[in-house]
Amino acid sequence: MILYTCGQRDKHAAIGHACGRAAKALDEAGYEYEIRDMPGYRMVPWTWGQRRRGRDEVKELTGQIGLPVLALDEGRTIVGSGKIAEWAKAHPTVQPEIGGG
């Protein structure tokens, strides 16, 4: 499992950065995953050239260059922090115990 991010996954998670939200959702669901930081930032115009040139792997997987992208081991991809979070919540690595005693 690979999470493609812009590199802003930790320090900006608290203020709502999309890559941080995706990483946090995977962490909370108990996943271990590889992180691949891609160049360029949407809100920083002087990085747009490297953003277009440096995200060929993401474009090949999804047809677009937006991040975050989660590539599952089976070959499926999930694009966007909201969809990644929904998927992680619906597929936690450990199922909660039901009932008790």
C-alpha atoms as a PDB file:
ATOM      1  CA  MET A   1       0.000   0.000   0.000  1.00  0.00           C
ATOM      2  CA  ILE A   2       1.421   3.373  -1.030  1.00  0.00           C
ATOM      3  CA  LEU A   3       0.197   6.826  -0.003  1.00  0.00           C
ATOM      4  CA  TYR A   4       1.270   9.493  -2.494  1.00  0.00           C
ATOM      5  CA  THR A   5       1.424  12.882  -0.778  1.00  0.00           C
ATOM      6  CA  CYS A   6       2.833  16.348  -1.300  1.00  0.00           C
ATOM      7  CA  GLY A   7       4.922  15.939   1.846  1.00  0.00           C
ATOM      8  CA  GLN A   8       2.597  17.979   4.064  1.00  0.00           C
ATOM      9  CA  ARG A   9       1.121  15.027   5.903  1.00  0.00           C
ATOM     10  CA  ASP A  10       2.300  15.563   9.491  1.00  0.00           C
ATOM     11  CA  LYS A  11       2.630  19.169  10.527  1.00  0.00           C
ATOM     12  CA  HIS A  12      -0.457  20.321   8.624  1.00  0.00           C
ATOM     13  CA  ALA A  13      -2.792  17.487   9.611  1.00  0.00           C
ATOM     14  CA  ALA A  14      -4.034  19.509  12.550  1.00  0.00           C
ATOM     15  CA  ILE A  15      -5.051  22.433  10.345  1.00  0.00           C
ATOM     16  CA  GLY A  16      -6.785  20.267   7.797  1.00  0.00           C
ATOM     17  CA  HIS A  17      -4.263  19.631   5.022  1.00  0.00           C
ATOM     18  CA  ALA A  18      -5.577  16.888   2.719  1.00  0.00           C
ATOM     19  CA  CYS A  19      -2.413  14.764   2.758  1.00  0.00           C
ATOM     20  CA  GLY A  20      -2.317  14.946   6.562  1.00  0.00           C
ATOM     21  CA  ARG A  21      -5.958  13.903   6.837  1.00  0.00           C
ATOM     22  CA  ALA A  22      -5.359  10.888   4.594  1.00  0.00           C
ATOM     23  CA  ALA A  23      -2.289   9.766   6.562  1.00  0.00           C
ATOM     24  CA  LYS A  24      -4.105  10.250   9.866  1.00  0.00           C
ATOM     25  CA  ALA A  25      -7.076   8.164   8.694  1.00  0.00           C
ATOM     26  CA  LEU A  26      -4.780   5.310   7.637  1.00  0.00           C
ATOM     27  CA  ASP A  27      -2.899   5.510  10.937  1.00  0.00           C
ATOM     28  CA  GLU A  28      -6.138   5.421  12.943  1.00  0.00           C
ATOM     29  CA  ALA A  29      -7.339   2.392  10.957  1.00  0.00           C
ATOM     30  CA  GLY A  30      -4.098   0.583  11.852  1.00  0.00           C
ATOM     31  CA  TYR A  31      -2.433   0.508   8.443  1.00  0.00           C
ATOM     32  CA  GLU A  32       1.264   0.375   7.678  1.00  0.00           C
ATOM     33  CA  TYR A  33       2.013   1.950   4.322  1.00  0.00           C
ATOM     34  CA  GLU A  34       4.791   3.360   2.214  1.00  0.00           C
ATOM     35  CA  ILE A  35       4.808   7.108   1.675  1.00  0.00           C
ATOM     36  CA  ARG A  36       5.942   8.653  -1.580  1.00  0.00           C
ATOM     37  CA  ASP A  37       6.265  12.407  -1.539  1.00  0.00           C
ATOM     38  CA  MET A  38       5.578  14.037  -4.891  1.00  0.00           C
ATOM     39  CA  PRO A  39       6.933  17.460  -5.885  1.00  0.00           C
ATOM     40  CA  GLY A  40       5.034  20.721  -6.135  1.00  0.00           C
ATOM     41  CA  TYR A  41       2.191  22.342  -4.252  1.00  0.00           C
ATOM     42  CA  ARG A  42      -1.177  23.479  -5.587  1.00  0.00           C
ATOM     43  CA  MET A  43      -1.178  26.750  -3.658  1.00  0.00           C
ATOM     44  CA  VAL A  44       2.448  27.674  -4.499  1.00  0.00           C
ATOM     45  CA  PRO A  45       2.515  28.856  -8.125  1.00  0.00           C
ATOM     46  CA  TRP A  46       6.304  28.730  -8.555  1.00  0.00           C
ATOM     47  CA  THR A  47       6.198  24.924  -7.991  1.00  0.00           C
ATOM     48  CA  TRP A  48       3.525  24.211 -10.606  1.00  0.00           C
ATOM     49  CA  GLY A  49       6.086  23.232 -13.277  1.00  0.00           C
ATOM     50  CA  GLN A  50       7.703  20.614 -11.085  1.00  0.00           C
ATOM     51  CA  ARG A  51       4.232  19.499  -9.993  1.00  0.00           C
ATOM     52  CA  ARG A  52       3.276  18.740 -13.598  1.00  0.00           C
ATOM     53  CA  ARG A  53       6.609  17.094 -14.458  1.00  0.00           C
ATOM     54  CA  GLY A  54       7.180  15.205 -11.208  1.00  0.00           C
ATOM     55  CA  ARG A  55       3.888  13.380 -10.805  1.00  0.00           C
ATOM     56  CA  ASP A  56       4.022  11.058 -13.799  1.00  0.00           C
ATOM     57  CA  GLU A  57       3.620   7.987 -11.573  1.00  0.00           C
ATOM     58  CA  VAL A  58       0.401   9.372 -10.066  1.00  0.00           C
ATOM     59  CA  LYS A  59      -0.901  10.410 -13.486  1.00  0.00           C
ATOM     60  CA  GLU A  60      -0.236   6.922 -14.856  1.00  0.00           C
ATOM     61  CA  LEU A  61      -2.154   5.373 -11.940  1.00  0.00           C
ATOM     62  CA  THR A  62      -5.114   7.763 -11.862  1.00  0.00           C
ATOM     63  CA  GLY A  63      -5.177   9.941 -14.983  1.00  0.00           C
ATOM     64  CA  GLN A  64      -4.692  13.107 -12.900  1.00  0.00           C
ATOM     65  CA  ILE A  65      -1.978  14.691 -10.726  1.00  0.00           C
ATOM     66  CA  GLY A  66      -3.927  15.675  -7.602  1.00  0.00           C
ATOM     67  CA  LEU A  67      -2.920  14.330  -4.197  1.00  0.00           C
ATOM     68  CA  PRO A  68      -3.327  12.467  -1.941  1.00  0.00           C
ATOM     69  CA  VAL A  69      -3.660   9.127  -3.726  1.00  0.00           C
ATOM     70  CA  LEU A  70      -3.735   5.734  -2.051  1.00  0.00           C
ATOM     71  CA  ALA A  71      -2.556   2.791  -4.178  1.00  0.00           C
ATOM     72  CA  LEU A  72      -3.813  -0.464  -2.724  1.00  0.00           C
ATOM     73  CA  ASP A  73      -1.789  -3.657  -3.033  1.00  0.00           C
ATOM     74  CA  GLU A  74      -4.432  -5.174  -5.327  1.00  0.00           C
ATOM     75  CA  GLY A  75      -3.858  -2.375  -7.867  1.00  0.00           C
ATOM     76  CA  ARG A  76      -6.895  -0.197  -7.109  1.00  0.00           C
ATOM     77  CA  THR A  77      -6.400   3.506  -6.340  1.00  0.00           C
ATOM     78  CA  ILE A  78      -8.357   5.885  -4.150  1.00  0.00           C
ATOM     79  CA  VAL A  79      -8.059   9.604  -4.884  1.00  0.00           C
ATOM     80  CA  GLY A  80      -8.664  12.371  -2.364  1.00  0.00           C
ATOM     81  CA  SER A  81      -8.435  12.607   1.407  1.00  0.00           C
ATOM     82  CA  GLY A  82     -12.167  12.220   2.002  1.00  0.00           C
ATOM     83  CA  LYS A  83     -12.400   9.024  -0.024  1.00  0.00           C
ATOM     84  CA  ILE A  84      -9.219   7.650   1.542  1.00  0.00           C
ATOM     85  CA  ALA A  85     -10.591   8.377   5.023  1.00  0.00           C
ATOM     86  CA  GLU A  86     -13.933   6.739   4.166  1.00  0.00           C
ATOM     87  CA  TRP A  87     -12.159   3.655   2.826  1.00  0.00           C
ATOM     88  CA  ALA A  88      -9.873   3.402   5.880  1.00  0.00           C
ATOM     89  CA  LYS A  89     -12.817   3.731   8.280  1.00  0.00           C
ATOM     90  CA  ALA A  90     -14.783   1.065   6.391  1.00  0.00           C
ATOM     91  CA  HIS A  91     -11.783  -1.312   6.231  1.00  0.00           C
ATOM     92  CA  PRO A  92      -9.893  -1.093   9.549  1.00  0.00           C
ATOM     93  CA  THR A  93      -7.109  -3.630  10.074  1.00  0.00           C
ATOM     94  CA  VAL A  94      -8.640  -4.752  13.372  1.00  0.00           C
ATOM     95  CA  GLN A  95     -12.372  -5.240  13.615  1.00  0.00           C
ATOM     96  CA  PRO A  96     -13.978  -3.935  16.817  1.00  0.00           C
ATOM     97  CA  GLU A  97     -15.263  -6.510  19.253  1.00  0.00           C
ATOM     98  CA  ILE A  98     -19.030  -6.930  19.143  1.00  0.00           C
ATOM     99  CA  GLY A  99     -20.956  -7.530  22.309  1.00  0.00           C
ATOM    100  CA  GLY A 100     -19.274  -8.915  25.298  1.00  0.00           C
ATOM    101  CA  GLY A 101     -19.767 -11.413  27.951  1.00  0.00           C
END
